[in-house]
Amino acid sequence: MNRYSFLFGCIFLFLLGSCVTVKEPVGMKLLERSASKIPSWAGKSWEEKNTLYFTGSATGSSSFEQARELAIRDASTKIVEYFGFTQSVKFKRILTETSRYLLDEVSGKSKEKQIKGVQIKEVYYERWLKESNKVIYNVHLLVSYDKQEMEKEKKRLAQEEKAKTDKVKSLFANGQQKIAEGYVNDGVQNYIEALNSLDETDNFRQDIIAEIKNTLNLLRIEKVNSPKSITATKAIEESLELKLYLVKNENKLPLKNCPVKFTFVEGEGQLDETVYSDMEGKIRSVIHKIKTVGNIVVRAGINFDNLNDVKDDEAFTKADNIHVDYEFNAIPTQKNIKLTIEIKEIFNGNAKKSALAENEVNKQLNNYGYKTLTGPETNKADIRVYCEINISQNPKNEVGVFSCSTNGQLKVLNIKNSKTLLENILKEVTGYGIVDEQAKKDAINKISKNISDLVVNILEK
């Protein structure tokens, strides 16, 4: 064989080799690839004199961007594992930091980064078409990390961890000091801030939570006064007084600058909702108005707004139990205005007096201190309330419940000067019941409440 034959044979073999196609998986077609073959570094990690190399991979992603991001996260995971982190939360934080750095490098963002010395050296990708006509992407990337920069980063993270530990210890000590001085709210806030600085898996969290629960166990709240009755529907200045203290070695330590929240548990009114204790642990909330008559319950409880950061059900329960209830009767203010009530109900085209609605409105107006007249005395009335209510019975629904709808027209007239005080279209309300009469009664009771509320509002303007 002469040298020309040998040269021709080599060229033939080279051309033949270049025509060989990559073996494609069944049901898949290769549309594009960034190189003629998967690089030899894919799936490997190694180190050289001054550099560490890590790889990341992602397959079957719906877009190149998604595949690249997943590959970066895969490489970042290997980098963070190399650091030797064991706490899951800290691992996730550094992993996110590293991944964000690499993504910023790819997208060309120019900003200060904490992770230095990490570089993406190569990126290889493939684009495939599946039988379902869905396009998927596979990405492999090679990342390098300078050893000196990694050591600097490990040192930075160690310093960061020490600074965090020192901060938590300082907050905890300050919290203990504040509580010893009677500033329990400030102390608990210090504890909560310390908790927010710790990872979920840090063992010190349980020590702080135990200290919070122990503190809550020692808190006491006592009523100094308790009103028996209050006049409703007029401006008042009735005070609710308390004393707060912490039981310590059989002594009562007054709680200073501690917030207490006052809320209506039963009834409605206006009062000072959040009040802070003075230097003697005393609290005073003023009731400015009671809007409803009958039994009134006001609850006063020590209020730690961000206790939810503790994430402990037992602590929540303990805090919720530090309260007292004021229970008293709200009596109506007697008014000099006399009213007469006339209500007709229209059902199936027939109109008749609605005794149920009249009685309900009379009762509610009497509760507000208004005198309602009936029979011959109606000619002494100052105000006439006239209303027509339309009633429509609805068919039983699929679960066997009846419903009844009511609406109507309301007119309030000043008899002495013939002036119309109110003319109003009543919005439709619906009543429910297991029988049709029960549904009708429920609907009439609801619209009667609306009528009395409208009348009271116009008379007390």
Protein backbone atom coordinates (compact mmCIF):
# COMPACT_ATOMS: atom_id res chain seq x y z
CA MET A 1 0.00 0.00 0.00
CA ASN A 2 1.51 3.33 -1.04
CA ARG A 3 1.29 6.46 1.01
CA TYR A 4 -1.54 7.93 -1.11
CA SER A 5 -3.75 4.88 -0.46
CA PHE A 6 -3.09 5.19 3.29
CA LEU A 7 -3.92 8.92 3.25
CA PHE A 8 -7.13 8.28 1.30
CA GLY A 9 -8.17 5.60 3.80
CA CYS A 10 -7.64 7.95 6.76
CA ILE A 11 -9.73 10.66 5.12
CA PHE A 12 -12.48 8.12 4.41
CA LEU A 13 -12.54 6.90 8.01
CA PHE A 14 -12.63 10.50 9.32
CA LEU A 15 -15.60 11.37 7.11
CA LEU A 16 -17.37 8.17 8.08
CA GLY A 17 -16.83 8.92 11.76
CA SER A 18 -18.16 12.45 11.38
CA CYS A 19 -21.38 11.13 9.88
CA VAL A 20 -22.14 8.86 12.84
CA THR A 21 -25.21 10.23 14.72
CA VAL A 22 -25.78 10.16 18.45
CA LYS A 23 -27.99 7.28 19.51
CA GLU A 24 -31.34 8.80 20.44
CA PRO A 25 -33.64 7.43 23.18
CA VAL A 26 -36.85 5.79 21.99
CA GLY A 27 -39.54 8.37 21.36
CA MET A 28 -37.07 11.29 21.50
CA LYS A 29 -35.49 13.41 18.78
CA LEU A 30 -32.41 15.58 19.30
CA LEU A 31 -33.09 19.08 17.97
CA GLU A 32 -29.99 20.93 19.12
CA ARG A 33 -26.86 20.58 21.24
CA SER A 34 -24.12 23.05 22.14
CA ALA A 35 -21.31 20.59 21.42
CA SER A 36 -20.86 17.35 19.49
CA LYS A 37 -20.96 15.28 22.69
CA ILE A 38 -21.55 15.53 26.41
CA PRO A 39 -18.34 16.95 27.98
CA SER A 40 -16.12 14.58 29.92
CA TRP A 41 -16.41 16.70 33.09
CA ALA A 42 -20.19 16.22 33.42
CA GLY A 43 -21.15 14.74 36.80
CA LYS A 44 -17.64 15.01 38.28
CA SER A 45 -15.97 17.07 41.01
CA TRP A 46 -12.21 17.48 41.45
CA GLU A 47 -9.53 19.85 42.65
CA GLU A 48 -6.32 21.21 41.28
CA LYS A 49 -3.57 23.19 42.95
CA ASN A 50 -5.48 26.40 43.73
CA THR A 51 -8.94 25.61 42.36
CA LEU A 52 -11.91 23.41 43.18
CA TYR A 53 -14.26 22.25 40.39
CA PHE A 54 -17.90 21.34 40.82
CA THR A 55 -20.54 20.34 38.28
CA GLY A 56 -24.29 20.67 38.19
CA SER A 57 -26.90 18.97 36.02
CA ALA A 58 -30.60 19.23 35.21
CA THR A 59 -32.61 17.11 32.77
CA GLY A 60 -36.15 17.17 31.39
CA SER A 61 -36.82 20.88 32.05
CA SER A 62 -39.45 22.77 30.08
CA SER A 63 -37.12 25.71 29.28
CA PHE A 64 -33.42 26.40 29.01
CA GLU A 65 -33.63 29.03 31.78
CA GLN A 66 -35.30 26.57 34.17
CA ALA A 67 -32.74 23.84 33.38
CA ARG A 68 -29.85 26.28 33.85
CA GLU A 69 -31.22 27.45 37.22
CA LEU A 70 -31.68 23.86 38.44
CA ALA A 71 -28.16 22.95 37.29
CA ILE A 72 -26.78 25.99 39.17
CA ARG A 73 -28.64 24.91 42.29
CA ASP A 74 -27.22 21.38 41.91
CA ALA A 75 -23.67 22.77 41.66
CA SER A 76 -24.33 25.15 44.56
CA THR A 77 -25.48 22.23 46.72
CA LYS A 78 -22.16 20.48 46.14
CA ILE A 79 -20.24 23.66 47.01
CA VAL A 80 -22.18 24.14 50.27
CA GLU A 81 -21.75 20.46 51.16
CA TYR A 82 -18.01 20.96 50.70
CA PHE A 83 -18.18 23.72 53.34
CA GLY A 84 -19.35 21.07 55.80
CA PHE A 85 -22.63 22.66 56.98
CA THR A 86 -24.84 20.43 59.12
CA GLN A 87 -27.70 22.72 60.22
CA SER A 88 -30.43 22.57 57.59
CA VAL A 89 -31.56 26.21 57.84
CA LYS A 90 -28.01 27.56 57.60
CA PHE A 91 -27.36 25.15 54.72
CA LYS A 92 -30.42 26.50 52.86
CA ARG A 93 -29.41 30.11 53.50
CA ILE A 94 -25.86 29.68 52.13
CA LEU A 95 -27.19 27.53 49.29
CA THR A 96 -29.59 30.32 48.27
CA GLU A 97 -26.79 32.88 48.56
CA THR A 98 -24.45 30.84 46.34
CA SER A 99 -27.15 30.04 43.76
CA ARG A 100 -28.13 33.71 43.53
CA TYR A 101 -24.47 34.65 42.99
CA LEU A 102 -24.11 32.23 40.08
CA LEU A 103 -27.41 33.33 38.50
CA ASP A 104 -26.31 36.96 38.76
CA GLU A 105 -23.07 36.06 37.02
CA VAL A 106 -24.95 34.37 34.18
CA SER A 107 -27.39 37.25 33.73
CA GLY A 108 -24.60 39.82 33.90
CA LYS A 109 -25.99 41.76 36.86
CA SER A 110 -23.51 44.18 38.35
CA LYS A 111 -23.85 44.37 42.12
CA GLU A 112 -21.86 43.62 45.24
CA LYS A 113 -21.92 39.95 46.11
CA GLN A 114 -20.92 38.17 49.31
CA ILE A 115 -19.78 34.95 47.66
CA LYS A 116 -16.54 35.66 45.82
CA GLY A 117 -14.29 33.53 43.64
CA VAL A 118 -17.07 31.34 42.18
CA GLN A 119 -17.15 31.22 38.38
CA ILE A 120 -19.10 29.34 35.72
CA LYS A 121 -16.47 27.92 33.36
CA GLU A 122 -18.57 25.98 30.83
CA VAL A 123 -22.21 25.30 29.99
CA TYR A 124 -23.43 22.44 27.82
CA TYR A 125 -27.06 22.00 26.78
CA GLU A 126 -29.33 19.77 24.68
CA ARG A 127 -32.80 20.43 23.28
CA TRP A 128 -35.00 17.37 22.69
CA LEU A 129 -38.42 16.77 21.14
CA LYS A 130 -40.61 14.11 22.75
CA GLU A 131 -43.28 12.06 20.98
CA SER A 132 -45.89 14.30 22.64
CA ASN A 133 -44.36 17.27 20.75
CA LYS A 134 -43.10 18.63 24.07
CA VAL A 135 -39.64 20.22 24.00
CA ILE A 136 -37.32 19.54 26.94
CA TYR A 137 -33.85 20.77 27.90
CA ASN A 138 -30.86 19.12 29.56
CA VAL A 139 -28.09 21.31 30.97
CA HIS A 140 -24.67 20.51 32.47
CA LEU A 141 -22.39 23.21 33.81
CA LEU A 142 -18.89 23.39 35.26
CA VAL A 143 -18.13 25.74 38.15
CA SER A 144 -14.75 26.67 39.61
CA TYR A 145 -14.05 28.01 43.09
CA ASP A 146 -10.75 29.58 44.13
CA LYS A 147 -9.46 27.81 47.25
CA GLN A 148 -8.24 31.02 48.90
CA GLU A 149 -11.60 32.69 48.35
CA MET A 150 -13.35 29.65 49.83
CA GLU A 151 -11.22 29.90 52.97
CA LYS A 152 -12.07 33.60 53.23
CA GLU A 153 -15.76 32.74 52.85
CA LYS A 154 -15.58 30.08 55.55
CA LYS A 155 -13.94 32.61 57.86
CA ARG A 156 -16.62 35.21 57.06
CA LEU A 157 -19.38 32.73 57.82
CA ALA A 158 -17.72 31.76 61.11
CA GLN A 159 -17.51 35.44 62.10
CA GLU A 160 -21.15 35.93 61.10
CA GLU A 161 -22.16 32.96 63.25
CA LYS A 162 -20.20 34.31 66.24
CA ALA A 163 -21.77 37.77 65.85
CA LYS A 164 -25.24 36.17 65.77
CA THR A 165 -24.51 34.08 68.87
CA ASP A 166 -23.21 37.14 70.75
CA LYS A 167 -26.33 39.11 69.74
CA VAL A 168 -28.68 36.34 70.94
CA LYS A 169 -26.85 36.02 74.27
CA SER A 170 -27.00 39.80 74.76
CA LEU A 171 -30.75 39.94 73.96
CA PHE A 172 -31.43 37.05 76.33
CA ALA A 173 -29.47 38.69 79.16
CA ASN A 174 -31.20 42.04 78.54
CA GLY A 175 -34.57 40.27 78.57
CA GLN A 176 -33.85 38.72 81.95
CA GLN A 177 -32.72 42.09 83.33
CA LYS A 178 -35.82 43.90 82.04
CA ILE A 179 -38.16 41.32 83.56
CA ALA A 180 -36.32 41.51 86.90
CA GLU A 181 -36.98 45.28 86.87
CA GLY A 182 -40.70 44.79 86.12
CA TYR A 183 -40.56 45.68 82.41
CA VAL A 184 -42.00 42.33 81.35
CA ASN A 185 -43.23 43.48 77.94
CA ASP A 186 -39.78 44.82 77.03
CA GLY A 187 -38.15 41.65 78.33
CA VAL A 188 -40.43 39.37 76.33
CA GLN A 189 -39.78 41.47 73.20
CA ASN A 190 -36.04 40.91 73.76
CA TYR A 191 -36.66 37.18 73.96
CA ILE A 192 -38.72 37.22 70.77
CA GLU A 193 -36.04 39.22 68.92
CA ALA A 194 -33.50 36.62 70.02
CA LEU A 195 -35.73 33.85 68.68
CA ASN A 196 -36.01 35.63 65.33
CA SER A 197 -32.21 35.67 65.08
CA LEU A 198 -31.92 31.90 65.54
CA ASP A 199 -32.33 29.07 63.05
CA GLU A 200 -35.32 26.77 63.58
CA THR A 201 -33.00 23.90 64.55
CA ASP A 202 -30.95 25.84 67.12
CA ASN A 203 -31.23 24.17 70.54
CA PHE A 204 -31.12 27.56 72.30
CA ARG A 205 -34.61 28.30 70.91
CA GLN A 206 -36.18 25.85 73.35
CA ASP A 207 -34.37 27.48 76.30
CA ILE A 208 -35.74 30.91 75.33
CA ILE A 209 -39.27 29.57 74.76
CA ALA A 210 -39.14 27.86 78.17
CA GLU A 211 -38.11 31.18 79.75
CA ILE A 212 -41.05 32.96 78.05
CA LYS A 213 -43.53 30.35 79.29
CA ASN A 214 -42.07 30.49 82.81
CA THR A 215 -42.47 34.29 82.82
CA LEU A 216 -46.08 34.04 81.61
CA ASN A 217 -46.82 31.61 84.45
CA LEU A 218 -45.78 34.25 87.00
CA LEU A 219 -47.95 37.10 85.67
CA ARG A 220 -51.13 38.16 87.46
CA ILE A 221 -53.91 40.59 86.61
CA GLU A 222 -56.42 41.84 89.21
CA LYS A 223 -59.53 44.03 89.01
CA VAL A 224 -59.45 47.11 91.23
CA ASN A 225 -63.08 48.07 90.54
CA SER A 226 -66.11 46.46 88.91
CA PRO A 227 -69.17 48.50 87.87
CA LYS A 228 -72.57 46.89 88.47
CA SER A 229 -74.55 48.82 85.88
CA ILE A 230 -73.97 51.49 83.24
CA THR A 231 -76.44 53.65 81.38
CA ALA A 232 -76.49 52.76 77.70
CA THR A 233 -76.66 54.89 74.54
CA LYS A 234 -75.32 58.11 76.04
CA ALA A 235 -71.82 59.55 76.50
CA ILE A 236 -70.25 58.40 79.78
CA GLU A 237 -66.86 58.32 81.50
CA GLU A 238 -66.85 54.99 83.34
CA SER A 239 -63.41 53.61 84.20
CA LEU A 240 -62.23 50.00 84.42
CA GLU A 241 -59.20 49.74 86.69
CA LEU A 242 -56.65 46.94 87.01
CA LYS A 243 -53.36 46.10 88.65
CA LEU A 244 -50.64 43.97 87.02
CA TYR A 245 -47.80 42.23 88.81
CA LEU A 246 -45.34 39.35 88.63
CA VAL A 247 -45.13 36.90 91.53
CA LYS A 248 -41.47 36.60 92.55
CA ASN A 249 -40.34 34.92 95.75
CA GLU A 250 -43.81 35.55 97.25
CA ASN A 251 -43.47 39.24 96.41
CA LYS A 252 -45.60 41.15 93.91
CA LEU A 253 -43.43 42.99 91.37
CA PRO A 254 -45.50 45.69 89.57
CA LEU A 255 -45.48 45.40 85.78
CA LYS A 256 -44.36 48.68 84.21
CA ASN A 257 -45.23 49.90 80.72
CA CYS A 258 -47.15 46.69 80.02
CA PRO A 259 -49.91 46.81 77.36
CA VAL A 260 -53.42 45.59 78.21
CA LYS A 261 -56.08 45.23 75.55
CA PHE A 262 -59.76 45.81 76.41
CA THR A 263 -62.40 44.26 74.12
CA PHE A 264 -66.16 43.75 74.18
CA VAL A 265 -66.85 40.02 74.43
CA GLU A 266 -70.60 40.61 74.79
CA GLY A 267 -72.40 43.78 73.77
CA GLU A 268 -71.04 46.79 71.89
CA GLY A 269 -69.49 50.09 72.87
CA GLN A 270 -66.55 52.46 72.74
CA LEU A 271 -63.62 52.39 75.18
CA ASP A 272 -59.85 52.87 75.40
CA GLU A 273 -58.76 49.64 73.73
CA THR A 274 -55.02 49.47 74.47
CA VAL A 275 -53.64 51.02 77.65
CA TYR A 276 -50.14 50.79 79.20
CA SER A 277 -49.54 50.32 82.91
CA ASP A 278 -47.87 53.01 85.02
CA MET A 279 -44.82 52.56 87.26
CA GLU A 280 -47.03 50.99 89.94
CA GLY A 281 -48.53 48.46 87.53
CA LYS A 282 -51.90 50.23 87.45
CA ILE A 283 -54.15 50.35 84.37
CA ARG A 284 -57.21 52.49 83.67
CA SER A 285 -59.42 52.15 80.59
CA VAL A 286 -62.35 54.52 80.13
CA ILE A 287 -65.68 53.41 78.66
CA HIS A 288 -67.01 56.31 76.57
CA LYS A 289 -70.28 54.77 75.39
CA ILE A 290 -72.32 51.56 75.59
CA LYS A 291 -74.30 51.00 72.40
CA THR A 292 -76.39 48.01 73.46
CA VAL A 293 -78.53 47.28 76.49
CA GLY A 294 -78.58 44.18 78.68
CA ASN A 295 -75.59 42.07 79.73
CA ILE A 296 -72.17 43.49 78.84
CA VAL A 297 -68.83 41.66 79.12
CA VAL A 298 -65.50 43.47 78.65
CA ARG A 299 -62.31 41.38 78.64
CA ALA A 300 -58.96 42.86 79.70
CA GLY A 301 -55.86 40.86 78.83
CA ILE A 302 -52.10 41.43 78.76
CA ASN A 303 -51.24 41.94 75.11
CA PHE A 304 -47.96 40.68 73.60
CA ASP A 305 -48.52 41.59 69.95
CA ASN A 306 -45.77 39.50 68.33
CA LEU A 307 -45.99 36.45 70.56
CA ASN A 308 -46.96 34.51 67.41
CA ASP A 309 -43.24 34.58 66.51
CA VAL A 310 -42.68 32.11 69.34
CA LYS A 311 -44.58 29.44 67.34
CA ASP A 312 -45.54 27.51 70.45
CA ASP A 313 -49.16 26.56 71.17
CA GLU A 314 -48.59 26.27 74.93
CA ALA A 315 -47.18 29.80 75.09
CA PHE A 316 -50.23 31.07 73.19
CA THR A 317 -52.55 29.34 75.68
CA LYS A 318 -50.69 30.73 78.69
CA ALA A 319 -50.77 34.28 77.29
CA ASP A 320 -54.47 34.01 76.42
CA ASN A 321 -55.29 32.97 80.00
CA ILE A 322 -53.83 36.17 81.51
CA HIS A 323 -57.08 38.13 81.48
CA VAL A 324 -60.07 39.18 83.60
CA ASP A 325 -63.68 39.83 82.58
CA TYR A 326 -65.85 42.77 83.66
CA GLU A 327 -69.52 41.84 83.58
CA PHE A 328 -72.25 44.41 84.19
CA ASN A 329 -75.71 45.45 83.07
CA ALA A 330 -76.34 48.25 80.60
CA ILE A 331 -79.64 49.95 81.32
CA PRO A 332 -81.41 52.12 78.75
CA THR A 333 -81.48 55.90 78.97
CA GLN A 334 -85.09 56.96 79.39
CA LYS A 335 -86.16 59.29 76.58
CA ASN A 336 -89.01 61.80 76.64
CA ILE A 337 -90.00 60.91 73.09
CA LYS A 338 -93.19 58.79 72.71
CA LEU A 339 -93.72 56.67 69.61
CA THR A 340 -96.51 54.76 67.95
CA ILE A 341 -95.68 51.79 65.74
CA GLU A 342 -97.79 50.53 62.83
CA ILE A 343 -96.48 47.70 60.65
CA LYS A 344 -98.38 45.84 57.94
CA GLU A 345 -97.23 42.63 56.29
CA ILE A 346 -98.20 41.85 52.71
CA PHE A 347 -98.24 38.16 51.79
CA ASN A 348 -99.73 36.70 48.61
CA GLY A 349 -101.37 40.08 47.87
CA ASN A 350 -103.13 40.24 51.26
CA ALA A 351 -102.26 42.98 53.76
CA LYS A 352 -102.72 42.65 57.51
CA LYS A 353 -101.33 44.00 60.75
CA SER A 354 -98.00 42.33 61.66
CA ALA A 355 -98.28 41.74 65.40
CA LEU A 356 -94.96 39.89 65.42
CA ALA A 357 -93.05 42.74 63.76
CA GLU A 358 -94.73 45.43 65.91
CA ASN A 359 -93.96 43.57 69.13
CA GLU A 360 -90.33 43.02 68.09
CA VAL A 361 -89.78 46.69 67.14
CA ASN A 362 -91.57 47.87 70.32
CA LYS A 363 -89.33 45.67 72.47
CA GLN A 364 -86.12 46.90 70.82
CA LEU A 365 -87.13 50.56 71.02
CA ASN A 366 -88.05 50.11 74.71
CA ASN A 367 -84.56 48.71 75.29
CA TYR A 368 -83.17 52.00 74.01
CA GLY A 369 -85.33 53.96 76.44
CA TYR A 370 -88.11 55.00 74.05
CA LYS A 371 -91.72 54.69 75.20
CA THR A 372 -94.09 53.16 72.64
CA LEU A 373 -97.83 53.81 72.92
CA THR A 374 -100.70 51.54 71.90
CA GLY A 375 -104.49 51.73 71.82
CA PRO A 376 -106.17 55.04 72.80
CA GLU A 377 -102.85 56.52 73.98
CA THR A 378 -101.48 56.66 70.42
CA ASN A 379 -102.92 60.19 70.07
CA LYS A 380 -100.31 61.31 72.63
CA ALA A 381 -97.41 60.12 70.49
CA ASP A 382 -94.68 62.47 69.22
CA ILE A 383 -93.39 60.16 66.47
CA ARG A 384 -95.25 57.81 64.14
CA VAL A 385 -93.41 54.84 62.65
CA TYR A 386 -95.19 53.28 59.70
CA CYS A 387 -93.90 50.35 57.69
CA GLU A 388 -95.09 47.89 55.07
CA ILE A 389 -93.14 44.67 54.68
CA ASN A 390 -93.47 42.34 51.72
CA ILE A 391 -93.14 38.64 52.44
CA SER A 392 -92.40 35.94 49.87
CA GLN A 393 -92.11 32.28 50.76
CA ASN A 394 -89.42 30.34 48.88
CA PRO A 395 -89.55 26.62 48.06
CA LYS A 396 -87.68 24.13 50.20
CA ASN A 397 -84.07 23.70 49.05
CA GLU A 398 -82.25 20.46 48.28
CA VAL A 399 -81.29 19.86 51.93
CA GLY A 400 -84.85 20.38 53.18
CA VAL A 401 -84.53 23.94 54.55
CA PHE A 402 -87.26 26.52 53.98
CA SER A 403 -86.47 30.18 53.36
CA CYS A 404 -88.51 33.37 53.37
CA SER A 405 -87.57 36.78 51.92
CA THR A 406 -88.75 40.17 53.20
CA ASN A 407 -88.28 43.77 52.11
CA GLY A 408 -90.36 46.90 52.53
CA GLN A 409 -90.79 50.63 52.94
CA LEU A 410 -90.29 52.56 56.19
CA LYS A 411 -91.56 56.06 57.04
CA VAL A 412 -90.90 57.99 60.26
CA LEU A 413 -93.05 61.11 60.83
CA ASN A 414 -92.91 63.86 63.46
CA ILE A 415 -96.61 64.14 64.34
CA LYS A 416 -96.39 67.61 65.91
CA ASN A 417 -94.97 69.41 62.87
CA SER A 418 -95.94 66.83 60.19
CA LYS A 419 -92.28 66.66 59.13
CA THR A 420 -91.01 63.43 57.56
CA LEU A 421 -87.88 62.38 59.45
CA LEU A 422 -87.10 59.30 57.39
CA GLU A 423 -88.33 57.58 54.25
CA ASN A 424 -86.40 54.44 53.47
CA ILE A 425 -86.56 51.35 51.25
CA LEU A 426 -85.70 48.36 53.41
CA LYS A 427 -83.13 45.99 51.94
CA GLU A 428 -84.20 42.41 51.42
CA VAL A 429 -83.35 39.94 54.15
CA THR A 430 -83.87 36.19 54.22
CA GLY A 431 -84.98 33.95 57.06
CA TYR A 432 -84.51 30.19 57.33
CA GLY A 433 -86.22 27.31 59.11
CA ILE A 434 -87.03 23.63 59.00
CA VAL A 435 -90.70 24.56 58.43
CA ASP A 436 -92.09 27.48 56.41
CA GLU A 437 -93.56 29.30 59.45
CA GLN A 438 -90.20 29.19 61.20
CA ALA A 439 -88.52 30.71 58.13
CA LYS A 440 -91.17 33.46 58.01
CA LYS A 441 -90.71 34.28 61.70
CA ASP A 442 -86.91 34.42 61.28
CA ALA A 443 -87.26 36.81 58.32
CA ILE A 444 -89.68 39.11 60.22
CA ASN A 445 -87.37 39.20 63.26
CA LYS A 446 -84.42 40.20 61.06
CA ILE A 447 -86.24 42.99 59.24
CA SER A 448 -87.71 44.22 62.56
CA LYS A 449 -84.16 44.61 63.90
CA ASN A 450 -83.29 46.69 60.81
CA ILE A 451 -86.40 48.86 61.33
CA SER A 452 -85.62 49.59 64.98
CA ASP A 453 -81.95 50.37 64.18
CA LEU A 454 -83.00 52.87 61.49
CA VAL A 455 -85.51 54.52 63.83
CA VAL A 456 -82.99 54.81 66.68
CA ASN A 457 -80.33 56.25 64.38
CA ILE A 458 -82.64 58.97 63.06
CA LEU A 459 -83.98 59.88 66.53
CA GLU A 460 -80.51 60.12 68.13
CA LYS A 461 -78.97 62.30 65.42
